[in-house]
Amino acid sequence: MNESLDSFKQLNIMKNSLTCGSSITMYYIGGKWKAAILWYLMEKKQRFTDLKKLIPQMTDRTLSIQLKKLEEDNIIKREVFTKKPPLKVEYSLTDFGKTLIPVLKVLSDWGTELKTSEKYPIKEL
């Protein structure tokens, strides 16, 4: 079955079982690393090693798991190039994934404002 169709079937199931729109959003971008991965995919395609360099705190295993989950949810696509060695794999946002760009930007703006605010101090991460 078409991956995009699977993702939208899954979304329809969630629409019927989750009462809050933010719950649906967090299903897709929730967790410690998904938003960071998506942030770096907003601008351009990235290879696994590029993402690893951009987010060095994340283990290879965690990055691999998160990329697979985002791909299963049709948020990102994985493109494998096999024309010539070595094998090259690139990740990019799907059209569905691109709908998250405004959400990610608002979340980033809020975090940046909080980070620089004296009124609302944040704990050390």
PDB file of N, CA and C in Angstrom:
ATOM      1  N   MET A   1       0.843  -1.191   0.000  1.00  0.00           N
ATOM      2  CA  MET A   1       0.000   0.000   0.000  1.00  0.00           C
ATOM      3  C   MET A   1       0.880   1.243   0.000  1.00  0.00           C
ATOM      4  N   ASN A   2       0.411   2.287  -0.561  1.00  0.00           N
ATOM      5  CA  ASN A   2       1.108   3.558  -0.625  1.00  0.00           C
ATOM      6  C   ASN A   2       1.390   4.078   0.788  1.00  0.00           C
ATOM      7  N   GLU A   3       2.673   4.463   1.050  1.00  0.00           N
ATOM      8  CA  GLU A   3       3.053   4.941   2.374  1.00  0.00           C
ATOM      9  C   GLU A   3       2.267   6.178   2.777  1.00  0.00           C
ATOM     10  N   SER A   4       2.052   7.067   1.820  1.00  0.00           N
ATOM     11  CA  SER A   4       1.306   8.283   2.091  1.00  0.00           C
ATOM     12  C   SER A   4      -0.124   7.953   2.517  1.00  0.00           C
ATOM     13  N   LEU A   5      -0.715   6.981   1.850  1.00  0.00           N
ATOM     14  CA  LEU A   5      -2.069   6.558   2.183  1.00  0.00           C
ATOM     15  C   LEU A   5      -2.105   5.939   3.574  1.00  0.00           C
ATOM     16  N   ASP A   6      -1.105   5.130   3.914  1.00  0.00           N
ATOM     17  CA  ASP A   6      -1.014   4.543   5.248  1.00  0.00           C
ATOM     18  C   ASP A   6      -0.969   5.629   6.314  1.00  0.00           C
ATOM     19  N   SER A   7      -0.161   6.658   6.058  1.00  0.00           N
ATOM     20  CA  SER A   7      -0.016   7.748   7.012  1.00  0.00           C
ATOM     21  C   SER A   7      -1.341   8.469   7.222  1.00  0.00           C
ATOM     22  N   PHE A   8      -2.071   8.694   6.146  1.00  0.00           N
ATOM     23  CA  PHE A   8      -3.345   9.392   6.278  1.00  0.00           C
ATOM     24  C   PHE A   8      -4.419   8.512   6.908  1.00  0.00           C
ATOM     25  N   LYS A   9      -4.354   7.197   6.692  1.00  0.00           N
ATOM     26  CA  LYS A   9      -5.264   6.286   7.393  1.00  0.00           C
ATOM     27  C   LYS A   9      -4.999   6.360   8.895  1.00  0.00           C
ATOM     28  N   GLN A  10      -3.706   6.376   9.226  1.00  0.00           N
ATOM     29  CA  GLN A  10      -3.308   6.469  10.625  1.00  0.00           C
ATOM     30  C   GLN A  10      -3.817   7.790  11.221  1.00  0.00           C
ATOM     31  N   LEU A  11      -3.712   8.868  10.459  1.00  0.00           N
ATOM     32  CA  LEU A  11      -4.182  10.161  10.919  1.00  0.00           C
ATOM     33  C   LEU A  11      -5.686  10.138  11.157  1.00  0.00           C
ATOM     34  N   ASN A  12      -6.439   9.486  10.281  1.00  0.00           N
ATOM     35  CA  ASN A  12      -7.886   9.381  10.468  1.00  0.00           C
ATOM     36  C   ASN A  12      -8.225   8.604  11.732  1.00  0.00           C
ATOM     37  N   ILE A  13      -7.461   7.572  12.036  1.00  0.00           N
ATOM     38  CA  ILE A  13      -7.670   6.819  13.278  1.00  0.00           C
ATOM     39  C   ILE A  13      -7.421   7.738  14.468  1.00  0.00           C
ATOM     40  N   MET A  14      -6.346   8.522  14.401  1.00  0.00           N
ATOM     41  CA  MET A  14      -6.030   9.441  15.498  1.00  0.00           C
ATOM     42  C   MET A  14      -7.094  10.512  15.636  1.00  0.00           C
ATOM     43  N   LYS A  15      -7.617  11.015  14.532  1.00  0.00           N
ATOM     44  CA  LYS A  15      -8.653  12.041  14.590  1.00  0.00           C
ATOM     45  C   LYS A  15      -9.846  11.553  15.395  1.00  0.00           C
ATOM     46  N   ASN A  16     -10.113  10.261  15.302  1.00  0.00           N
ATOM     47  CA  ASN A  16     -11.252   9.706  16.015  1.00  0.00           C
ATOM     48  C   ASN A  16     -10.934   9.340  17.457  1.00  0.00           C
ATOM     49  N   SER A  17      -9.654   9.182  17.801  1.00  0.00           N
ATOM     50  CA  SER A  17      -9.328   8.738  19.148  1.00  0.00           C
ATOM     51  C   SER A  17      -8.689   9.825  20.010  1.00  0.00           C
ATOM     52  N   LEU A  18      -8.085  10.839  19.400  1.00  0.00           N
ATOM     53  CA  LEU A  18      -7.477  11.920  20.166  1.00  0.00           C
ATOM     54  C   LEU A  18      -8.383  13.133  20.113  1.00  0.00           C
ATOM     55  N   THR A  19      -8.570  13.763  21.252  1.00  0.00           N
ATOM     56  CA  THR A  19      -9.515  14.870  21.318  1.00  0.00           C
ATOM     57  C   THR A  19      -8.854  16.226  21.106  1.00  0.00           C
ATOM     58  N   CYS A  20      -7.555  16.295  21.196  1.00  0.00           N
ATOM     59  CA  CYS A  20      -6.862  17.577  21.135  1.00  0.00           C
ATOM     60  C   CYS A  20      -5.915  17.601  19.934  1.00  0.00           C
ATOM     61  N   GLY A  21      -5.981  18.664  19.158  1.00  0.00           N
ATOM     62  CA  GLY A  21      -5.106  18.797  18.000  1.00  0.00           C
ATOM     63  C   GLY A  21      -3.634  18.752  18.356  1.00  0.00           C
ATOM     64  N   SER A  22      -3.293  19.290  19.534  1.00  0.00           N
ATOM     65  CA  SER A  22      -1.885  19.267  19.929  1.00  0.00           C
ATOM     66  C   SER A  22      -1.406  17.837  20.179  1.00  0.00           C
ATOM     67  N   SER A  23      -2.298  16.942  20.567  1.00  0.00           N
ATOM     68  CA  SER A  23      -1.921  15.534  20.756  1.00  0.00           C
ATOM     69  C   SER A  23      -1.538  14.893  19.432  1.00  0.00           C
ATOM     70  N   ILE A  24      -2.264  15.237  18.377  1.00  0.00           N
ATOM     71  CA  ILE A  24      -1.933  14.715  17.053  1.00  0.00           C
ATOM     72  C   ILE A  24      -0.570  15.265  16.617  1.00  0.00           C
ATOM     73  N   THR A  25      -0.366  16.568  16.820  1.00  0.00           N
ATOM     74  CA  THR A  25       0.914  17.177  16.455  1.00  0.00           C
ATOM     75  C   THR A  25       2.061  16.524  17.213  1.00  0.00           C
ATOM     76  N   MET A  26       1.882  16.335  18.503  1.00  0.00           N
ATOM     77  CA  MET A  26       2.956  15.761  19.320  1.00  0.00           C
ATOM     78  C   MET A  26       3.199  14.295  18.984  1.00  0.00           C
ATOM     79  N   TYR A  27       2.192  13.626  18.462  1.00  0.00           N
ATOM     80  CA  TYR A  27       2.407  12.258  17.999  1.00  0.00           C
ATOM     81  C   TYR A  27       3.500  12.257  16.929  1.00  0.00           C
ATOM     82  N   TYR A  28       3.471  13.242  16.055  1.00  0.00           N
ATOM     83  CA  TYR A  28       4.429  13.311  14.957  1.00  0.00           C
ATOM     84  C   TYR A  28       5.772  13.905  15.347  1.00  0.00           C
ATOM     85  N   ILE A  29       5.791  14.936  16.207  1.00  0.00           N
ATOM     86  CA  ILE A  29       7.059  15.611  16.498  1.00  0.00           C
ATOM     87  C   ILE A  29       7.487  15.510  17.944  1.00  0.00           C
ATOM     88  N   GLY A  30       6.723  14.798  18.762  1.00  0.00           N
ATOM     89  CA  GLY A  30       7.046  14.688  20.169  1.00  0.00           C
ATOM     90  C   GLY A  30       8.320  13.891  20.412  1.00  0.00           C
ATOM     91  N   GLY A  31       8.829  14.017  21.602  1.00  0.00           N
ATOM     92  CA  GLY A  31      10.062  13.327  21.964  1.00  0.00           C
ATOM     93  C   GLY A  31      11.227  14.299  21.960  1.00  0.00           C
ATOM     94  N   LYS A  32      12.351  13.799  22.375  1.00  0.00           N
ATOM     95  CA  LYS A  32      13.518  14.650  22.559  1.00  0.00           C
ATOM     96  C   LYS A  32      14.182  15.072  21.248  1.00  0.00           C
ATOM     97  N   TRP A  33      14.146  14.239  20.221  1.00  0.00           N
ATOM     98  CA  TRP A  33      14.974  14.484  19.046  1.00  0.00           C
ATOM     99  C   TRP A  33      14.245  14.769  17.735  1.00  0.00           C
ATOM    100  N   LYS A  34      12.985  14.417  17.604  1.00  0.00           N
ATOM    101  CA  LYS A  34      12.315  14.561  16.307  1.00  0.00           C
ATOM    102  C   LYS A  34      12.328  16.001  15.795  1.00  0.00           C
ATOM    103  N   ALA A  35      12.008  16.951  16.659  1.00  0.00           N
ATOM    104  CA  ALA A  35      11.962  18.350  16.226  1.00  0.00           C
ATOM    105  C   ALA A  35      13.343  18.820  15.766  1.00  0.00           C
ATOM    106  N   ALA A  36      14.396  18.386  16.451  1.00  0.00           N
ATOM    107  CA  ALA A  36      15.755  18.776  16.060  1.00  0.00           C
ATOM    108  C   ALA A  36      16.103  18.207  14.683  1.00  0.00           C
ATOM    109  N   ILE A  37      15.764  16.950  14.464  1.00  0.00           N
ATOM    110  CA  ILE A  37      16.022  16.324  13.164  1.00  0.00           C
ATOM    111  C   ILE A  37      15.268  17.080  12.076  1.00  0.00           C
ATOM    112  N   LEU A  38      13.993  17.341  12.304  1.00  0.00           N
ATOM    113  CA  LEU A  38      13.181  18.048  11.314  1.00  0.00           C
ATOM    114  C   LEU A  38      13.692  19.459  11.065  1.00  0.00           C
ATOM    115  N   TRP A  39      14.191  20.098  12.107  1.00  0.00           N
ATOM    116  CA  TRP A  39      14.723  21.452  11.969  1.00  0.00           C
ATOM    117  C   TRP A  39      15.855  21.478  10.940  1.00  0.00           C
ATOM    118  N   TYR A  40      16.733  20.502  11.022  1.00  0.00           N
ATOM    119  CA  TYR A  40      17.871  20.463  10.093  1.00  0.00           C
ATOM    120  C   TYR A  40      17.484  19.977   8.700  1.00  0.00           C
ATOM    121  N   LEU A  41      16.341  19.341   8.587  1.00  0.00           N
ATOM    122  CA  LEU A  41      15.873  18.908   7.263  1.00  0.00           C
ATOM    123  C   LEU A  41      15.027  19.978   6.575  1.00  0.00           C
ATOM    124  N   MET A  42      14.671  21.038   7.297  1.00  0.00           N
ATOM    125  CA  MET A  42      13.855  22.104   6.699  1.00  0.00           C
ATOM    126  C   MET A  42      14.591  22.800   5.563  1.00  0.00           C
ATOM    127  N   GLU A  43      15.861  23.040   5.746  1.00  0.00           N
ATOM    128  CA  GLU A  43      16.635  23.813   4.786  1.00  0.00           C
ATOM    129  C   GLU A  43      17.115  22.996   3.595  1.00  0.00           C
ATOM    130  N   LYS A  44      17.561  21.767   3.858  1.00  0.00           N
ATOM    131  CA  LYS A  44      18.121  20.964   2.769  1.00  0.00           C
ATOM    132  C   LYS A  44      18.148  19.491   3.146  1.00  0.00           C
ATOM    133  N   LYS A  45      18.391  18.669   2.133  1.00  0.00           N
ATOM    134  CA  LYS A  45      18.552  17.232   2.358  1.00  0.00           C
ATOM    135  C   LYS A  45      19.793  17.022   3.213  1.00  0.00           C
ATOM    136  N   GLN A  46      19.742  15.988   4.038  1.00  0.00           N
ATOM    137  CA  GLN A  46      20.876  15.683   4.904  1.00  0.00           C
ATOM    138  C   GLN A  46      21.175  14.196   4.846  1.00  0.00           C
ATOM    139  N   ARG A  47      22.428  13.866   4.982  1.00  0.00           N
ATOM    140  CA  ARG A  47      22.835  12.475   5.116  1.00  0.00           C
ATOM    141  C   ARG A  47      22.887  12.136   6.605  1.00  0.00           C
ATOM    142  N   PHE A  48      22.912  10.840   6.907  1.00  0.00           N
ATOM    143  CA  PHE A  48      22.953  10.391   8.299  1.00  0.00           C
ATOM    144  C   PHE A  48      24.128  11.041   9.029  1.00  0.00           C
ATOM    145  N   THR A  49      25.305  11.004   8.414  1.00  0.00           N
ATOM    146  CA  THR A  49      26.499  11.558   9.074  1.00  0.00           C
ATOM    147  C   THR A  49      26.389  13.063   9.281  1.00  0.00           C
ATOM    148  N   ASP A  50      25.711  13.752   8.355  1.00  0.00           N
ATOM    149  CA  ASP A  50      25.505  15.196   8.531  1.00  0.00           C
ATOM    150  C   ASP A  50      24.631  15.464   9.754  1.00  0.00           C
ATOM    151  N   LEU A  51      23.540  14.710   9.865  1.00  0.00           N
ATOM    152  CA  LEU A  51      22.649  14.877  11.021  1.00  0.00           C
ATOM    153  C   LEU A  51      23.375  14.544  12.314  1.00  0.00           C
ATOM    154  N   LYS A  52      24.207  13.523  12.281  1.00  0.00           N
ATOM    155  CA  LYS A  52      24.969  13.131  13.462  1.00  0.00           C
ATOM    156  C   LYS A  52      25.897  14.270  13.895  1.00  0.00           C
ATOM    157  N   LYS A  53      26.516  14.943  12.937  1.00  0.00           N
ATOM    158  CA  LYS A  53      27.395  16.073  13.258  1.00  0.00           C
ATOM    159  C   LYS A  53      26.609  17.268  13.790  1.00  0.00           C
ATOM    160  N   LEU A  54      25.409  17.472  13.234  1.00  0.00           N
ATOM    161  CA  LEU A  54      24.572  18.596  13.660  1.00  0.00           C
ATOM    162  C   LEU A  54      23.966  18.377  15.048  1.00  0.00           C
ATOM    163  N   ILE A  55      23.751  17.116  15.410  1.00  0.00           N
ATOM    164  CA  ILE A  55      23.155  16.784  16.715  1.00  0.00           C
ATOM    165  C   ILE A  55      24.060  15.746  17.394  1.00  0.00           C
ATOM    166  N   PRO A  56      25.251  16.154  17.838  1.00  0.00           N
ATOM    167  CA  PRO A  56      26.227  15.192  18.354  1.00  0.00           C
ATOM    168  C   PRO A  56      25.818  14.511  19.666  1.00  0.00           C
ATOM    169  N   GLN A  57      24.869  15.079  20.389  1.00  0.00           N
ATOM    170  CA  GLN A  57      24.433  14.474  21.654  1.00  0.00           C
ATOM    171  C   GLN A  57      23.619  13.199  21.428  1.00  0.00           C
ATOM    172  N   MET A  58      23.107  13.013  20.235  1.00  0.00           N
ATOM    173  CA  MET A  58      22.252  11.861  19.926  1.00  0.00           C
ATOM    174  C   MET A  58      23.121  10.681  19.494  1.00  0.00           C
ATOM    175  N   THR A  59      22.795   9.497  20.006  1.00  0.00           N
ATOM    176  CA  THR A  59      23.542   8.308  19.612  1.00  0.00           C
ATOM    177  C   THR A  59      23.143   7.881  18.203  1.00  0.00           C
ATOM    178  N   ASP A  60      24.000   7.105  17.557  1.00  0.00           N
ATOM    179  CA  ASP A  60      23.698   6.595  16.216  1.00  0.00           C
ATOM    180  C   ASP A  60      22.414   5.778  16.232  1.00  0.00           C
ATOM    181  N   ARG A  61      22.259   4.960  17.249  1.00  0.00           N
ATOM    182  CA  ARG A  61      21.074   4.098  17.359  1.00  0.00           C
ATOM    183  C   ARG A  61      19.801   4.936  17.469  1.00  0.00           C
ATOM    184  N   THR A  62      19.834   5.944  18.309  1.00  0.00           N
ATOM    185  CA  THR A  62      18.665   6.806  18.491  1.00  0.00           C
ATOM    186  C   THR A  62      18.337   7.543  17.199  1.00  0.00           C
ATOM    187  N   LEU A  63      19.351   8.069  16.531  1.00  0.00           N
ATOM    188  CA  LEU A  63      19.125   8.763  15.269  1.00  0.00           C
ATOM    189  C   LEU A  63      18.491   7.818  14.254  1.00  0.00           C
ATOM    190  N   SER A  64      19.010   6.620  14.171  1.00  0.00           N
ATOM    191  CA  SER A  64      18.472   5.632  13.237  1.00  0.00           C
ATOM    192  C   SER A  64      17.006   5.318  13.539  1.00  0.00           C
ATOM    193  N   ILE A  65      16.685   5.117  14.798  1.00  0.00           N
ATOM    194  CA  ILE A  65      15.311   4.807  15.213  1.00  0.00           C
ATOM    195  C   ILE A  65      14.379   5.975  14.889  1.00  0.00           C
ATOM    196  N   GLN A  66      14.810   7.195  15.198  1.00  0.00           N
ATOM    197  CA  GLN A  66      13.969   8.368  14.961  1.00  0.00           C
ATOM    198  C   GLN A  66      13.750   8.597  13.463  1.00  0.00           C
ATOM    199  N   LEU A  67      14.789   8.396  12.660  1.00  0.00           N
ATOM    200  CA  LEU A  67      14.642   8.546  11.217  1.00  0.00           C
ATOM    201  C   LEU A  67      13.656   7.516  10.664  1.00  0.00           C
ATOM    202  N   LYS A  68      13.739   6.283  11.151  1.00  0.00           N
ATOM    203  CA  LYS A  68      12.804   5.245  10.693  1.00  0.00           C
ATOM    204  C   LYS A  68      11.370   5.592  11.076  1.00  0.00           C
ATOM    205  N   LYS A  69      11.179   6.084  12.287  1.00  0.00           N
ATOM    206  CA  LYS A  69       9.837   6.462  12.742  1.00  0.00           C
ATOM    207  C   LYS A  69       9.286   7.615  11.903  1.00  0.00           C
ATOM    208  N   LEU A  70      10.106   8.624  11.659  1.00  0.00           N
ATOM    209  CA  LEU A  70       9.665   9.754  10.846  1.00  0.00           C
ATOM    210  C   LEU A  70       9.356   9.324   9.415  1.00  0.00           C
ATOM    211  N   GLU A  71      10.119   8.364   8.916  1.00  0.00           N
ATOM    212  CA  GLU A  71       9.847   7.838   7.572  1.00  0.00           C
ATOM    213  C   GLU A  71       8.544   7.045   7.558  1.00  0.00           C
ATOM    214  N   GLU A  72       8.321   6.220   8.574  1.00  0.00           N
ATOM    215  CA  GLU A  72       7.068   5.455   8.671  1.00  0.00           C
ATOM    216  C   GLU A  72       5.855   6.374   8.734  1.00  0.00           C
ATOM    217  N   ASP A  73       6.018   7.519   9.355  1.00  0.00           N
ATOM    218  CA  ASP A  73       4.920   8.491   9.490  1.00  0.00           C
ATOM    219  C   ASP A  73       4.796   9.409   8.278  1.00  0.00           C
ATOM    220  N   ASN A  74       5.603   9.151   7.244  1.00  0.00           N
ATOM    221  CA  ASN A  74       5.573   9.928   6.006  1.00  0.00           C
ATOM    222  C   ASN A  74       5.936  11.401   6.223  1.00  0.00           C
ATOM    223  N   ILE A  75       6.748  11.667   7.235  1.00  0.00           N
ATOM    224  CA  ILE A  75       7.222  13.025   7.502  1.00  0.00           C
ATOM    225  C   ILE A  75       8.498  13.279   6.705  1.00  0.00           C
ATOM    226  N   ILE A  76       9.332  12.256   6.601  1.00  0.00           N
ATOM    227  CA  ILE A  76      10.557  12.378   5.816  1.00  0.00           C
ATOM    228  C   ILE A  76      10.615  11.250   4.793  1.00  0.00           C
ATOM    229  N   LYS A  77      11.441  11.456   3.785  1.00  0.00           N
ATOM    230  CA  LYS A  77      11.676  10.372   2.835  1.00  0.00           C
ATOM    231  C   LYS A  77      13.165  10.053   2.836  1.00  0.00           C
ATOM    232  N   ARG A  78      13.449   8.800   2.605  1.00  0.00           N
ATOM    233  CA  ARG A  78      14.816   8.296   2.558  1.00  0.00           C
ATOM    234  C   ARG A  78      15.103   7.932   1.110  1.00  0.00           C
ATOM    235  N   GLU A  79      16.132   8.555   0.552  1.00  0.00           N
ATOM    236  CA  GLU A  79      16.495   8.315  -0.833  1.00  0.00           C
ATOM    237  C   GLU A  79      17.865   7.645  -0.875  1.00  0.00           C
ATOM    238  N   VAL A  80      17.921   6.481  -1.529  1.00  0.00           N
ATOM    239  CA  VAL A  80      19.174   5.730  -1.632  1.00  0.00           C
ATOM    240  C   VAL A  80      19.703   5.867  -3.052  1.00  0.00           C
ATOM    241  N   PHE A  81      20.962   6.235  -3.157  1.00  0.00           N
ATOM    242  CA  PHE A  81      21.629   6.372  -4.452  1.00  0.00           C
ATOM    243  C   PHE A  81      22.656   5.256  -4.582  1.00  0.00           C
ATOM    244  N   THR A  82      22.495   4.419  -5.610  1.00  0.00           N
ATOM    245  CA  THR A  82      23.372   3.262  -5.761  1.00  0.00           C
ATOM    246  C   THR A  82      24.125   3.251  -7.086  1.00  0.00           C
ATOM    247  N   LYS A  83      24.092   4.347  -7.808  1.00  0.00           N
ATOM    248  CA  LYS A  83      24.735   4.384  -9.130  1.00  0.00           C
ATOM    249  C   LYS A  83      26.227   4.060  -9.054  1.00  0.00           C
ATOM    250  N   LYS A  84      26.883   4.651  -8.076  1.00  0.00           N
ATOM    251  CA  LYS A  84      28.314   4.381  -7.926  1.00  0.00           C
ATOM    252  C   LYS A  84      28.657   4.282  -6.440  1.00  0.00           C
ATOM    253  N   PRO A  85      29.632   3.462  -6.109  1.00  0.00           N
ATOM    254  CA  PRO A  85      30.037   3.337  -4.702  1.00  0.00           C
ATOM    255  C   PRO A  85      30.684   4.640  -4.238  1.00  0.00           C
ATOM    256  N   PRO A  86      30.631   4.971  -2.982  1.00  0.00           N
ATOM    257  CA  PRO A  86      29.904   4.264  -1.926  1.00  0.00           C
ATOM    258  C   PRO A  86      28.407   4.598  -1.957  1.00  0.00           C
ATOM    259  N   LEU A  87      27.647   3.756  -1.312  1.00  0.00           N
ATOM    260  CA  LEU A  87      26.201   3.943  -1.204  1.00  0.00           C
ATOM    261  C   LEU A  87      25.933   5.293  -0.543  1.00  0.00           C
ATOM    262  N   LYS A  88      24.991   6.021  -1.067  1.00  0.00           N
ATOM    263  CA  LYS A  88      24.652   7.343  -0.521  1.00  0.00           C
ATOM    264  C   LYS A  88      23.173   7.358  -0.167  1.00  0.00           C
ATOM    265  N   VAL A  89      22.859   7.796   1.049  1.00  0.00           N
ATOM    266  CA  VAL A  89      21.479   7.896   1.514  1.00  0.00           C
ATOM    267  C   VAL A  89      21.238   9.328   1.980  1.00  0.00           C
ATOM    268  N   GLU A  90      20.156   9.925   1.483  1.00  0.00           N
ATOM    269  CA  GLU A  90      19.783  11.275   1.886  1.00  0.00           C
ATOM    270  C   GLU A  90      18.369  11.273   2.458  1.00  0.00           C
ATOM    271  N   TYR A  91      18.164  12.134   3.430  1.00  0.00           N
ATOM    272  CA  TYR A  91      16.860  12.306   4.054  1.00  0.00           C
ATOM    273  C   TYR A  91      16.359  13.707   3.743  1.00  0.00           C
ATOM    274  N   SER A  92      15.061  13.820   3.487  1.00  0.00           N
ATOM    275  CA  SER A  92      14.446  15.118   3.228  1.00  0.00           C
ATOM    276  C   SER A  92      12.992  15.083   3.690  1.00  0.00           C
ATOM    277  N   LEU A  93      12.409  16.264   3.824  1.00  0.00           N
ATOM    278  CA  LEU A  93      11.004  16.356   4.215  1.00  0.00           C
ATOM    279  C   LEU A  93      10.105  15.978   3.040  1.00  0.00           C
ATOM    280  N   THR A  94       9.039  15.274   3.327  1.00  0.00           N
ATOM    281  CA  THR A  94       7.999  15.016   2.332  1.00  0.00           C
ATOM    282  C   THR A  94       7.107  16.260   2.264  1.00  0.00           C
ATOM    283  N   ASP A  95       6.171  16.280   1.334  1.00  0.00           N
ATOM    284  CA  ASP A  95       5.214  17.388   1.295  1.00  0.00           C
ATOM    285  C   ASP A  95       4.439  17.450   2.610  1.00  0.00           C
ATOM    286  N   PHE A  96       4.061  16.282   3.124  1.00  0.00           N
ATOM    287  CA  PHE A  96       3.360  16.226   4.420  1.00  0.00           C
ATOM    288  C   PHE A  96       4.262  16.763   5.528  1.00  0.00           C
ATOM    289  N   GLY A  97       5.533  16.394   5.503  1.00  0.00           N
ATOM    290  CA  GLY A  97       6.494  16.878   6.496  1.00  0.00           C
ATOM    291  C   GLY A  97       6.678  18.385   6.428  1.00  0.00           C
ATOM    292  N   LYS A  98       6.621  18.939   5.225  1.00  0.00           N
ATOM    293  CA  LYS A  98       6.788  20.388   5.060  1.00  0.00           C
ATOM    294  C   LYS A  98       5.657  21.167   5.712  1.00  0.00           C
ATOM    295  N   THR A  99       4.519  20.527   5.936  1.00  0.00           N
ATOM    296  CA  THR A  99       3.420  21.228   6.623  1.00  0.00           C
ATOM    297  C   THR A  99       3.780  21.514   8.077  1.00  0.00           C
ATOM    298  N   LEU A 100       4.816  20.867   8.601  1.00  0.00           N
ATOM    299  CA  LEU A 100       5.259  21.104   9.975  1.00  0.00           C
ATOM    300  C   LEU A 100       6.207  22.291  10.103  1.00  0.00           C
ATOM    301  N   ILE A 101       6.690  22.830   8.999  1.00  0.00           N
ATOM    302  CA  ILE A 101       7.661  23.927   9.063  1.00  0.00           C
ATOM    303  C   ILE A 101       7.152  25.114   9.885  1.00  0.00           C
ATOM    304  N   PRO A 102       5.932  25.616   9.666  1.00  0.00           N
ATOM    305  CA  PRO A 102       5.469  26.740  10.494  1.00  0.00           C
ATOM    306  C   PRO A 102       5.402  26.376  11.984  1.00  0.00           C
ATOM    307  N   VAL A 103       5.027  25.154  12.278  1.00  0.00           N
ATOM    308  CA  VAL A 103       4.948  24.701  13.678  1.00  0.00           C
ATOM    309  C   VAL A 103       6.344  24.702  14.288  1.00  0.00           C
ATOM    310  N   LEU A 104       7.314  24.159  13.583  1.00  0.00           N
ATOM    311  CA  LEU A 104       8.688  24.102  14.085  1.00  0.00           C
ATOM    312  C   LEU A 104       9.263  25.500  14.292  1.00  0.00           C
ATOM    313  N   LYS A 105       8.931  26.417  13.395  1.00  0.00           N
ATOM    314  CA  LYS A 105       9.431  27.792  13.525  1.00  0.00           C
ATOM    315  C   LYS A 105       8.837  28.478  14.755  1.00  0.00           C
ATOM    316  N   VAL A 106       7.556  28.275  15.000  1.00  0.00           N
ATOM    317  CA  VAL A 106       6.919  28.861  16.181  1.00  0.00           C
ATOM    318  C   VAL A 106       7.520  28.264  17.453  1.00  0.00           C
ATOM    319  N   LEU A 107       7.721  26.960  17.474  1.00  0.00           N
ATOM    320  CA  LEU A 107       8.342  26.320  18.642  1.00  0.00           C
ATOM    321  C   LEU A 107       9.751  26.865  18.872  1.00  0.00           C
ATOM    322  N   SER A 108      10.506  27.045  17.800  1.00  0.00           N
ATOM    323  CA  SER A 108      11.860  27.581  17.916  1.00  0.00           C
ATOM    324  C   SER A 108      11.846  29.011  18.436  1.00  0.00           C
ATOM    325  N   ASP A 109      10.942  29.823  17.914  1.00  0.00           N
ATOM    326  CA  ASP A 109      10.831  31.218  18.366  1.00  0.00           C
ATOM    327  C   ASP A 109      10.503  31.266  19.859  1.00  0.00           C
ATOM    328  N   TRP A 110       9.579  30.416  20.288  1.00  0.00           N
ATOM    329  CA  TRP A 110       9.188  30.387  21.694  1.00  0.00           C
ATOM    330  C   TRP A 110      10.380  29.978  22.558  1.00  0.00           C
ATOM    331  N   GLY A 111      11.103  28.969  22.137  1.00  0.00           N
ATOM    332  CA  GLY A 111      12.269  28.508  22.890  1.00  0.00           C
ATOM    333  C   GLY A 111      13.371  29.552  22.944  1.00  0.00           C
ATOM    334  N   THR A 112      13.599  30.248  21.829  1.00  0.00           N
ATOM    335  CA  THR A 112      14.621  31.295  21.789  1.00  0.00           C
ATOM    336  C   THR A 112      14.247  32.438  22.721  1.00  0.00           C
ATOM    337  N   GLU A 113      12.970  32.812  22.695  1.00  0.00           N
ATOM    338  CA  GLU A 113      12.495  33.880  23.585  1.00  0.00           C
ATOM    339  C   GLU A 113      12.652  33.466  25.046  1.00  0.00           C
ATOM    340  N   LEU A 114      12.310  32.253  25.352  1.00  0.00           N
ATOM    341  CA  LEU A 114      12.428  31.744  26.716  1.00  0.00           C
ATOM    342  C   LEU A 114      13.886  31.697  27.153  1.00  0.00           C
ATOM    343  N   LYS A 115      14.745  31.284  26.244  1.00  0.00           N
ATOM    344  CA  LYS A 115      16.178  31.168  26.541  1.00  0.00           C
ATOM    345  C   LYS A 115      16.788  32.519  26.909  1.00  0.00           C
ATOM    346  N   THR A 116      16.324  33.579  26.256  1.00  0.00           N
ATOM    347  CA  THR A 116      16.904  34.902  26.491  1.00  0.00           C
ATOM    348  C   THR A 116      16.127  35.710  27.536  1.00  0.00           C
ATOM    349  N   SER A 117      15.035  35.165  28.037  1.00  0.00           N
ATOM    350  CA  SER A 117      14.193  35.891  28.977  1.00  0.00           C
ATOM    351  C   SER A 117      14.762  35.834  30.391  1.00  0.00           C
ATOM    352  N   GLU A 118      14.713  36.966  31.047  1.00  0.00           N
ATOM    353  CA  GLU A 118      15.097  37.009  32.463  1.00  0.00           C
ATOM    354  C   GLU A 118      13.864  36.754  33.329  1.00  0.00           C
ATOM    355  N   LYS A 119      12.708  36.975  32.767  1.00  0.00           N
ATOM    356  CA  LYS A 119      11.451  36.838  33.491  1.00  0.00           C
ATOM    357  C   LYS A 119      11.112  35.363  33.750  1.00  0.00           C
ATOM    358  N   TYR A 120      11.454  34.509  32.782  1.00  0.00           N
ATOM    359  CA  TYR A 120      11.139  33.085  32.882  1.00  0.00           C
ATOM    360  C   TYR A 120      12.429  32.279  32.768  1.00  0.00           C
ATOM    361  N   PRO A 121      13.184  32.185  33.845  1.00  0.00           N
ATOM    362  CA  PRO A 121      14.444  31.431  33.752  1.00  0.00           C
ATOM    363  C   PRO A 121      14.182  29.945  33.513  1.00  0.00           C
ATOM    364  N   ILE A 122      15.044  29.345  32.715  1.00  0.00           N
ATOM    365  CA  ILE A 122      14.912  27.908  32.461  1.00  0.00           C
ATOM    366  C   ILE A 122      16.037  27.170  33.168  1.00  0.00           C
ATOM    367  N   LYS A 123      15.764  25.939  33.486  1.00  0.00           N
ATOM    368  CA  LYS A 123      16.781  25.138  34.161  1.00  0.00           C
ATOM    369  C   LYS A 123      17.874  24.746  33.171  1.00  0.00           C
ATOM    370  N   GLU A 124      19.018  24.424  33.680  1.00  0.00           N
ATOM    371  CA  GLU A 124      20.142  23.982  32.845  1.00  0.00           C
ATOM    372  C   GLU A 124      19.781  22.658  32.209  1.00  0.00           C
ATOM    373  N   LEU A 125      20.087  22.526  30.911  1.00  0.00           N
ATOM    374  CA  LEU A 125      19.809  21.274  30.211  1.00  0.00           C
ATOM    375  C   LEU A 125      21.045  20.410  30.169  1.00  0.00           C
TER     376      LEU A 125
END
